[in-house]
Amino acid sequence: MFFLVGLPRKSMKAILDIDLEKVLTNLGILESLRQGQLTCGVCGELVTEQNLRCIYPQGTEVRVCCDRPGCVEKAFSNVKRK
């Protein structure tokens, strides 16, 4: 299960594995993820399909977060504050 945080409202929605590809395509980041071009918005680690944990907004950009517990918590708290 993955999390879509704060898009478009400040709420958390879960995404099932079977729906992830569609969501990533709609956000325009599927190919970037598959090409190894996305990094965690918190720690900077490369995010892959295996370690992707959440998707969240930062300003006008869509960010992704790796599965490290500290990163997930920080991403959630950053979205909650806005």
PDB file of N, CA and C in Angstrom:
ATOM      1  N   MET A   1       0.841  -1.174   0.000  1.00  0.00           N
ATOM      2  CA  MET A   1       0.000   0.000   0.000  1.00  0.00           C
ATOM      3  C   MET A   1       0.887   1.238   0.000  1.00  0.00           C
ATOM      4  N   PHE A   2       0.472   2.233  -0.731  1.00  0.00           N
ATOM      5  CA  PHE A   2       1.185   3.489  -0.850  1.00  0.00           C
ATOM      6  C   PHE A   2       0.271   4.596  -0.379  1.00  0.00           C
ATOM      7  N   PHE A   3       0.843   5.753  -0.110  1.00  0.00           N
ATOM      8  CA  PHE A   3       0.042   6.860   0.374  1.00  0.00           C
ATOM      9  C   PHE A   3       0.155   8.052  -0.553  1.00  0.00           C
ATOM     10  N   LEU A   4      -0.953   8.665  -0.793  1.00  0.00           N
ATOM     11  CA  LEU A   4      -1.044   9.907  -1.545  1.00  0.00           C
ATOM     12  C   LEU A   4      -1.438  10.948  -0.515  1.00  0.00           C
ATOM     13  N   VAL A   5      -0.531  11.829  -0.201  1.00  0.00           N
ATOM     14  CA  VAL A   5      -0.720  12.753   0.910  1.00  0.00           C
ATOM     15  C   VAL A   5      -0.949  14.166   0.404  1.00  0.00           C
ATOM     16  N   GLY A   6      -2.062  14.773   0.804  1.00  0.00           N
ATOM     17  CA  GLY A   6      -2.304  16.179   0.523  1.00  0.00           C
ATOM     18  C   GLY A   6      -2.645  16.529  -0.905  1.00  0.00           C
ATOM     19  N   LEU A   7      -2.997  15.582  -1.735  1.00  0.00           N
ATOM     20  CA  LEU A   7      -3.354  15.865  -3.117  1.00  0.00           C
ATOM     21  C   LEU A   7      -4.792  15.471  -3.358  1.00  0.00           C
ATOM     22  N   PRO A   8      -5.677  16.291  -3.815  1.00  0.00           N
ATOM     23  CA  PRO A   8      -5.569  17.737  -3.883  1.00  0.00           C
ATOM     24  C   PRO A   8      -5.929  18.407  -2.576  1.00  0.00           C
ATOM     25  N   ARG A   9      -6.530  17.667  -1.640  1.00  0.00           N
ATOM     26  CA  ARG A   9      -6.868  18.220  -0.332  1.00  0.00           C
ATOM     27  C   ARG A   9      -5.866  17.731   0.686  1.00  0.00           C
ATOM     28  N   LYS A  10      -5.893  18.319   1.859  1.00  0.00           N
ATOM     29  CA  LYS A  10      -4.976  17.906   2.911  1.00  0.00           C
ATOM     30  C   LYS A  10      -5.531  16.695   3.641  1.00  0.00           C
ATOM     31  N   SER A  11      -5.518  15.586   2.951  1.00  0.00           N
ATOM     32  CA  SER A  11      -5.960  14.336   3.533  1.00  0.00           C
ATOM     33  C   SER A  11      -5.055  13.233   3.018  1.00  0.00           C
ATOM     34  N   MET A  12      -5.077  12.121   3.677  1.00  0.00           N
ATOM     35  CA  MET A  12      -4.248  11.006   3.263  1.00  0.00           C
ATOM     36  C   MET A  12      -5.136   9.947   2.644  1.00  0.00           C
ATOM     37  N   LYS A  13      -4.752   9.485   1.477  1.00  0.00           N
ATOM     38  CA  LYS A  13      -5.497   8.445   0.802  1.00  0.00           C
ATOM     39  C   LYS A  13      -4.540   7.298   0.516  1.00  0.00           C
ATOM     40  N   ALA A  14      -5.010   6.093   0.689  1.00  0.00           N
ATOM     41  CA  ALA A  14      -4.207   4.916   0.396  1.00  0.00           C
ATOM     42  C   ALA A  14      -4.422   4.508  -1.055  1.00  0.00           C
ATOM     43  N   ILE A  15      -3.373   3.995  -1.662  1.00  0.00           N
ATOM     44  CA  ILE A  15      -3.430   3.525  -3.040  1.00  0.00           C
ATOM     45  C   ILE A  15      -3.037   2.056  -3.023  1.00  0.00           C
ATOM     46  N   LEU A  16      -3.842   1.205  -3.597  1.00  0.00           N
ATOM     47  CA  LEU A  16      -3.499  -0.203  -3.702  1.00  0.00           C
ATOM     48  C   LEU A  16      -2.442  -0.393  -4.774  1.00  0.00           C
ATOM     49  N   ASP A  17      -1.643  -1.426  -4.624  1.00  0.00           N
ATOM     50  CA  ASP A  17      -0.591  -1.720  -5.594  1.00  0.00           C
ATOM     51  C   ASP A  17      -1.122  -1.765  -7.023  1.00  0.00           C
ATOM     52  N   ILE A  18      -2.307  -2.324  -7.198  1.00  0.00           N
ATOM     53  CA  ILE A  18      -2.851  -2.474  -8.546  1.00  0.00           C
ATOM     54  C   ILE A  18      -3.220  -1.135  -9.182  1.00  0.00           C
ATOM     55  N   ASP A  19      -3.409  -0.100  -8.374  1.00  0.00           N
ATOM     56  CA  ASP A  19      -3.772   1.220  -8.886  1.00  0.00           C
ATOM     57  C   ASP A  19      -2.586   2.161  -9.016  1.00  0.00           C
ATOM     58  N   LEU A  20      -1.426   1.774  -8.509  1.00  0.00           N
ATOM     59  CA  LEU A  20      -0.285   2.681  -8.442  1.00  0.00           C
ATOM     60  C   LEU A  20       0.158   3.169  -9.818  1.00  0.00           C
ATOM     61  N   GLU A  21       0.262   2.283 -10.780  1.00  0.00           N
ATOM     62  CA  GLU A  21       0.720   2.674 -12.110  1.00  0.00           C
ATOM     63  C   GLU A  21      -0.186   3.754 -12.699  1.00  0.00           C
ATOM     64  N   LYS A  22      -1.484   3.597 -12.541  1.00  0.00           N
ATOM     65  CA  LYS A  22      -2.438   4.579 -13.067  1.00  0.00           C
ATOM     66  C   LYS A  22      -2.254   5.933 -12.386  1.00  0.00           C
ATOM     67  N   VAL A  23      -2.093   5.935 -11.067  1.00  0.00           N
ATOM     68  CA  VAL A  23      -1.903   7.186 -10.323  1.00  0.00           C
ATOM     69  C   VAL A  23      -0.609   7.868 -10.750  1.00  0.00           C
ATOM     70  N   LEU A  24       0.474   7.098 -10.851  1.00  0.00           N
ATOM     71  CA  LEU A  24       1.760   7.675 -11.261  1.00  0.00           C
ATOM     72  C   LEU A  24       1.701   8.227 -12.681  1.00  0.00           C
ATOM     73  N   THR A  25       0.986   7.549 -13.550  1.00  0.00           N
ATOM     74  CA  THR A  25       0.804   8.034 -14.923  1.00  0.00           C
ATOM     75  C   THR A  25       0.025   9.343 -14.916  1.00  0.00           C
ATOM     76  N   ASN A  26      -1.066   9.395 -14.159  1.00  0.00           N
ATOM     77  CA  ASN A  26      -1.884  10.606 -14.090  1.00  0.00           C
ATOM     78  C   ASN A  26      -1.104  11.792 -13.526  1.00  0.00           C
ATOM     79  N   LEU A  27      -0.168  11.527 -12.624  1.00  0.00           N
ATOM     80  CA  LEU A  27       0.658  12.594 -12.053  1.00  0.00           C
ATOM     81  C   LEU A  27       1.857  12.943 -12.941  1.00  0.00           C
ATOM     82  N   GLY A  28       2.075  12.144 -13.984  1.00  0.00           N
ATOM     83  CA  GLY A  28       3.163  12.414 -14.919  1.00  0.00           C
ATOM     84  C   GLY A  28       4.540  12.029 -14.399  1.00  0.00           C
ATOM     85  N   ILE A  29       4.607  11.068 -13.464  1.00  0.00           N
ATOM     86  CA  ILE A  29       5.911  10.711 -12.904  1.00  0.00           C
ATOM     87  C   ILE A  29       6.273   9.229 -13.072  1.00  0.00           C
ATOM     88  N   LEU A  30       5.453   8.448 -13.740  1.00  0.00           N
ATOM     89  CA  LEU A  30       5.730   7.019 -13.884  1.00  0.00           C
ATOM     90  C   LEU A  30       7.049   6.779 -14.616  1.00  0.00           C
ATOM     91  N   GLU A  31       7.233   7.408 -15.752  1.00  0.00           N
ATOM     92  CA  GLU A  31       8.460   7.181 -16.528  1.00  0.00           C
ATOM     93  C   GLU A  31       9.698   7.661 -15.784  1.00  0.00           C
ATOM     94  N   SER A  32       9.591   8.781 -15.082  1.00  0.00           N
ATOM     95  CA  SER A  32      10.729   9.272 -14.295  1.00  0.00           C
ATOM     96  C   SER A  32      11.096   8.271 -13.205  1.00  0.00           C
ATOM     97  N   LEU A  33      10.085   7.681 -12.578  1.00  0.00           N
ATOM     98  CA  LEU A  33      10.325   6.671 -11.550  1.00  0.00           C
ATOM     99  C   LEU A  33      11.031   5.469 -12.162  1.00  0.00           C
ATOM    100  N   ARG A  34      10.531   4.992 -13.283  1.00  0.00           N
ATOM    101  CA  ARG A  34      11.103   3.809 -13.935  1.00  0.00           C
ATOM    102  C   ARG A  34      12.507   4.062 -14.490  1.00  0.00           C
ATOM    103  N   GLN A  35      12.807   5.303 -14.820  1.00  0.00           N
ATOM    104  CA  GLN A  35      14.127   5.637 -15.354  1.00  0.00           C
ATOM    105  C   GLN A  35      15.127   6.013 -14.268  1.00  0.00           C
ATOM    106  N   GLY A  36      14.724   5.894 -13.005  1.00  0.00           N
ATOM    107  CA  GLY A  36      15.630   6.179 -11.901  1.00  0.00           C
ATOM    108  C   GLY A  36      15.938   7.657 -11.732  1.00  0.00           C
ATOM    109  N   GLN A  37      14.950   8.507 -12.012  1.00  0.00           N
ATOM    110  CA  GLN A  37      15.155   9.950 -11.943  1.00  0.00           C
ATOM    111  C   GLN A  37      14.507  10.614 -10.738  1.00  0.00           C
ATOM    112  N   LEU A  38      13.860   9.827  -9.876  1.00  0.00           N
ATOM    113  CA  LEU A  38      13.187  10.415  -8.722  1.00  0.00           C
ATOM    114  C   LEU A  38      13.950  10.099  -7.441  1.00  0.00           C
ATOM    115  N   THR A  39      14.056  11.099  -6.594  1.00  0.00           N
ATOM    116  CA  THR A  39      14.695  10.898  -5.301  1.00  0.00           C
ATOM    117  C   THR A  39      13.717  11.272  -4.198  1.00  0.00           C
ATOM    118  N   CYS A  40      13.973  10.738  -3.026  1.00  0.00           N
ATOM    119  CA  CYS A  40      13.132  11.018  -1.868  1.00  0.00           C
ATOM    120  C   CYS A  40      13.205  12.511  -1.552  1.00  0.00           C
ATOM    121  N   GLY A  41      12.054  13.125  -1.376  1.00  0.00           N
ATOM    122  CA  GLY A  41      11.990  14.547  -1.060  1.00  0.00           C
ATOM    123  C   GLY A  41      12.515  14.877   0.325  1.00  0.00           C
ATOM    124  N   VAL A  42      12.782  13.860   1.135  1.00  0.00           N
ATOM    125  CA  VAL A  42      13.268  14.077   2.495  1.00  0.00           C
ATOM    126  C   VAL A  42      14.759  13.780   2.604  1.00  0.00           C
ATOM    127  N   CYS A  43      15.185  12.564   2.203  1.00  0.00           N
ATOM    128  CA  CYS A  43      16.582  12.162   2.406  1.00  0.00           C
ATOM    129  C   CYS A  43      17.423  12.168   1.142  1.00  0.00           C
ATOM    130  N   GLY A  44      16.799  12.251  -0.036  1.00  0.00           N
ATOM    131  CA  GLY A  44      17.543  12.294  -1.284  1.00  0.00           C
ATOM    132  C   GLY A  44      17.884  10.933  -1.868  1.00  0.00           C
ATOM    133  N   GLU A  45      17.471   9.840  -1.210  1.00  0.00           N
ATOM    134  CA  GLU A  45      17.737   8.498  -1.728  1.00  0.00           C
ATOM    135  C   GLU A  45      16.956   8.269  -3.015  1.00  0.00           C
ATOM    136  N   LEU A  46      17.528   7.489  -3.927  1.00  0.00           N
ATOM    137  CA  LEU A  46      16.836   7.127  -5.155  1.00  0.00           C
ATOM    138  C   LEU A  46      15.567   6.369  -4.801  1.00  0.00           C
ATOM    139  N   VAL A  47      14.442   6.762  -5.397  1.00  0.00           N
ATOM    140  CA  VAL A  47      13.170   6.086  -5.148  1.00  0.00           C
ATOM    141  C   VAL A  47      12.858   5.210  -6.354  1.00  0.00           C
ATOM    142  N   THR A  48      12.572   3.950  -6.064  1.00  0.00           N
ATOM    143  CA  THR A  48      12.222   2.970  -7.094  1.00  0.00           C
ATOM    144  C   THR A  48      10.805   2.467  -6.824  1.00  0.00           C
ATOM    145  N   GLU A  49      10.336   1.608  -7.697  1.00  0.00           N
ATOM    146  CA  GLU A  49       9.017   1.015  -7.473  1.00  0.00           C
ATOM    147  C   GLU A  49       9.016   0.148  -6.208  1.00  0.00           C
ATOM    148  N   GLN A  50      10.181  -0.345  -5.810  1.00  0.00           N
ATOM    149  CA  GLN A  50      10.276  -1.206  -4.634  1.00  0.00           C
ATOM    150  C   GLN A  50      10.267  -0.425  -3.318  1.00  0.00           C
ATOM    151  N   ASN A  51      10.804   0.808  -3.305  1.00  0.00           N
ATOM    152  CA  ASN A  51      10.874   1.533  -2.033  1.00  0.00           C
ATOM    153  C   ASN A  51      10.000   2.792  -1.984  1.00  0.00           C
ATOM    154  N   LEU A  52       9.156   2.990  -2.984  1.00  0.00           N
ATOM    155  CA  LEU A  52       8.221   4.125  -2.985  1.00  0.00           C
ATOM    156  C   LEU A  52       7.186   3.929  -1.887  1.00  0.00           C
ATOM    157  N   ARG A  53       7.022   4.935  -1.024  1.00  0.00           N
ATOM    158  CA  ARG A  53       6.058   4.819   0.069  1.00  0.00           C
ATOM    159  C   ARG A  53       4.974   5.882   0.017  1.00  0.00           C
ATOM    160  N   CYS A  54       5.297   7.115  -0.378  1.00  0.00           N
ATOM    161  CA  CYS A  54       4.235   8.115  -0.443  1.00  0.00           C
ATOM    162  C   CYS A  54       4.516   9.137  -1.534  1.00  0.00           C
ATOM    163  N   ILE A  55       3.448   9.801  -1.939  1.00  0.00           N
ATOM    164  CA  ILE A  55       3.470  10.849  -2.957  1.00  0.00           C
ATOM    165  C   ILE A  55       2.819  12.061  -2.310  1.00  0.00           C
ATOM    166  N   TYR A  56       3.471  13.213  -2.409  1.00  0.00           N
ATOM    167  CA  TYR A  56       2.929  14.395  -1.729  1.00  0.00           C
ATOM    168  C   TYR A  56       3.321  15.671  -2.480  1.00  0.00           C
ATOM    169  N   PRO A  57       2.576  16.767  -2.251  1.00  0.00           N
ATOM    170  CA  PRO A  57       2.895  18.028  -2.921  1.00  0.00           C
ATOM    171  C   PRO A  57       3.907  18.834  -2.126  1.00  0.00           C
ATOM    172  N   GLN A  58       4.730  19.551  -2.845  1.00  0.00           N
ATOM    173  CA  GLN A  58       5.600  20.553  -2.221  1.00  0.00           C
ATOM    174  C   GLN A  58       5.570  21.758  -3.155  1.00  0.00           C
ATOM    175  N   GLY A  59       4.840  22.770  -2.743  1.00  0.00           N
ATOM    176  CA  GLY A  59       4.601  23.907  -3.632  1.00  0.00           C
ATOM    177  C   GLY A  59       3.769  23.440  -4.812  1.00  0.00           C
ATOM    178  N   THR A  60       4.274  23.660  -6.007  1.00  0.00           N
ATOM    179  CA  THR A  60       3.559  23.227  -7.207  1.00  0.00           C
ATOM    180  C   THR A  60       4.081  21.896  -7.739  1.00  0.00           C
ATOM    181  N   GLU A  61       5.047  21.296  -7.050  1.00  0.00           N
ATOM    182  CA  GLU A  61       5.656  20.041  -7.500  1.00  0.00           C
ATOM    183  C   GLU A  61       5.067  18.837  -6.788  1.00  0.00           C
ATOM    184  N   VAL A  62       5.146  17.702  -7.457  1.00  0.00           N
ATOM    185  CA  VAL A  62       4.775  16.422  -6.861  1.00  0.00           C
ATOM    186  C   VAL A  62       6.061  15.770  -6.395  1.00  0.00           C
ATOM    187  N   ARG A  63       6.123  15.402  -5.135  1.00  0.00           N
ATOM    188  CA  ARG A  63       7.305  14.756  -4.552  1.00  0.00           C
ATOM    189  C   ARG A  63       6.967  13.318  -4.190  1.00  0.00           C
ATOM    190  N   VAL A  64       8.018  12.514  -4.085  1.00  0.00           N
ATOM    191  CA  VAL A  64       7.870  11.142  -3.634  1.00  0.00           C
ATOM    192  C   VAL A  64       8.748  10.942  -2.408  1.00  0.00           C
ATOM    193  N   CYS A  65       8.441   9.913  -1.669  1.00  0.00           N
ATOM    194  CA  CYS A  65       9.167   9.618  -0.439  1.00  0.00           C
ATOM    195  C   CYS A  65       9.530   8.137  -0.426  1.00  0.00           C
ATOM    196  N   CYS A  66      10.721   7.819   0.064  1.00  0.00           N
ATOM    197  CA  CYS A  66      11.140   6.423   0.196  1.00  0.00           C
ATOM    198  C   CYS A  66      10.460   5.789   1.408  1.00  0.00           C
ATOM    199  N   ASP A  67      10.756   4.530   1.645  1.00  0.00           N
ATOM    200  CA  ASP A  67      10.065   3.790   2.706  1.00  0.00           C
ATOM    201  C   ASP A  67      10.754   3.836   4.066  1.00  0.00           C
ATOM    202  N   ARG A  68      11.744   4.672   4.243  1.00  0.00           N
ATOM    203  CA  ARG A  68      12.354   4.819   5.563  1.00  0.00           C
ATOM    204  C   ARG A  68      11.331   5.465   6.500  1.00  0.00           C
ATOM    205  N   PRO A  69      11.134   4.886   7.683  1.00  0.00           N
ATOM    206  CA  PRO A  69      10.115   5.424   8.602  1.00  0.00           C
ATOM    207  C   PRO A  69      10.293   6.911   8.906  1.00  0.00           C
ATOM    208  N   GLY A  70      11.506   7.366   9.113  1.00  0.00           N
ATOM    209  CA  GLY A  70      11.741   8.775   9.408  1.00  0.00           C
ATOM    210  C   GLY A  70      11.348   9.676   8.250  1.00  0.00           C
ATOM    211  N   CYS A  71      11.571   9.211   7.043  1.00  0.00           N
ATOM    212  CA  CYS A  71      11.219  10.004   5.864  1.00  0.00           C
ATOM    213  C   CYS A  71       9.707  10.108   5.713  1.00  0.00           C
ATOM    214  N   VAL A  72       9.024   9.004   5.907  1.00  0.00           N
ATOM    215  CA  VAL A  72       7.562   8.994   5.793  1.00  0.00           C
ATOM    216  C   VAL A  72       6.961   9.947   6.823  1.00  0.00           C
ATOM    217  N   GLU A  73       7.430   9.852   8.059  1.00  0.00           N
ATOM    218  CA  GLU A  73       6.913  10.733   9.112  1.00  0.00           C
ATOM    219  C   GLU A  73       7.164  12.203   8.797  1.00  0.00           C
ATOM    220  N   LYS A  74       8.356  12.513   8.303  1.00  0.00           N
ATOM    221  CA  LYS A  74       8.685  13.905   7.990  1.00  0.00           C
ATOM    222  C   LYS A  74       7.835  14.413   6.812  1.00  0.00           C
ATOM    223  N   ALA A  75       7.650  13.591   5.797  1.00  0.00           N
ATOM    224  CA  ALA A  75       6.810  13.989   4.657  1.00  0.00           C
ATOM    225  C   ALA A  75       5.392  14.273   5.126  1.00  0.00           C
ATOM    226  N   PHE A  76       4.833  13.398   5.977  1.00  0.00           N
ATOM    227  CA  PHE A  76       3.489  13.608   6.508  1.00  0.00           C
ATOM    228  C   PHE A  76       3.412  14.902   7.301  1.00  0.00           C
ATOM    229  N   SER A  77       4.394  15.136   8.158  1.00  0.00           N
ATOM    230  CA  SER A  77       4.341  16.330   8.995  1.00  0.00           C
ATOM    231  C   SER A  77       4.515  17.601   8.173  1.00  0.00           C
ATOM    232  N   ASN A  78       5.314  17.560   7.115  1.00  0.00           N
ATOM    233  CA  ASN A  78       5.480  18.727   6.247  1.00  0.00           C
ATOM    234  C   ASN A  78       4.173  19.092   5.557  1.00  0.00           C
ATOM    235  N   VAL A  79       3.428  18.103   5.124  1.00  0.00           N
ATOM    236  CA  VAL A  79       2.148  18.342   4.444  1.00  0.00           C
ATOM    237  C   VAL A  79       1.117  18.833   5.451  1.00  0.00           C
ATOM    238  N   LYS A  80       1.104  18.280   6.648  1.00  0.00           N
ATOM    239  CA  LYS A  80       0.135  18.680   7.683  1.00  0.00           C
ATOM    240  C   LYS A  80       0.300  20.143   8.067  1.00  0.00           C
ATOM    241  N   ARG A  81       1.543  20.643   8.079  1.00  0.00           N
ATOM    242  CA  ARG A  81       1.801  22.024   8.494  1.00  0.00           C
ATOM    243  C   ARG A  81       1.324  23.042   7.478  1.00  0.00           C
ATOM    244  N   LYS A  82       1.124  22.653   6.261  1.00  0.00           N
ATOM    245  CA  LYS A  82       0.760  23.607   5.215  1.00  0.00           C
ATOM    246  C   LYS A  82      -0.712  23.770   5.077  1.00  0.00           C
TER     247      LYS A  82
END
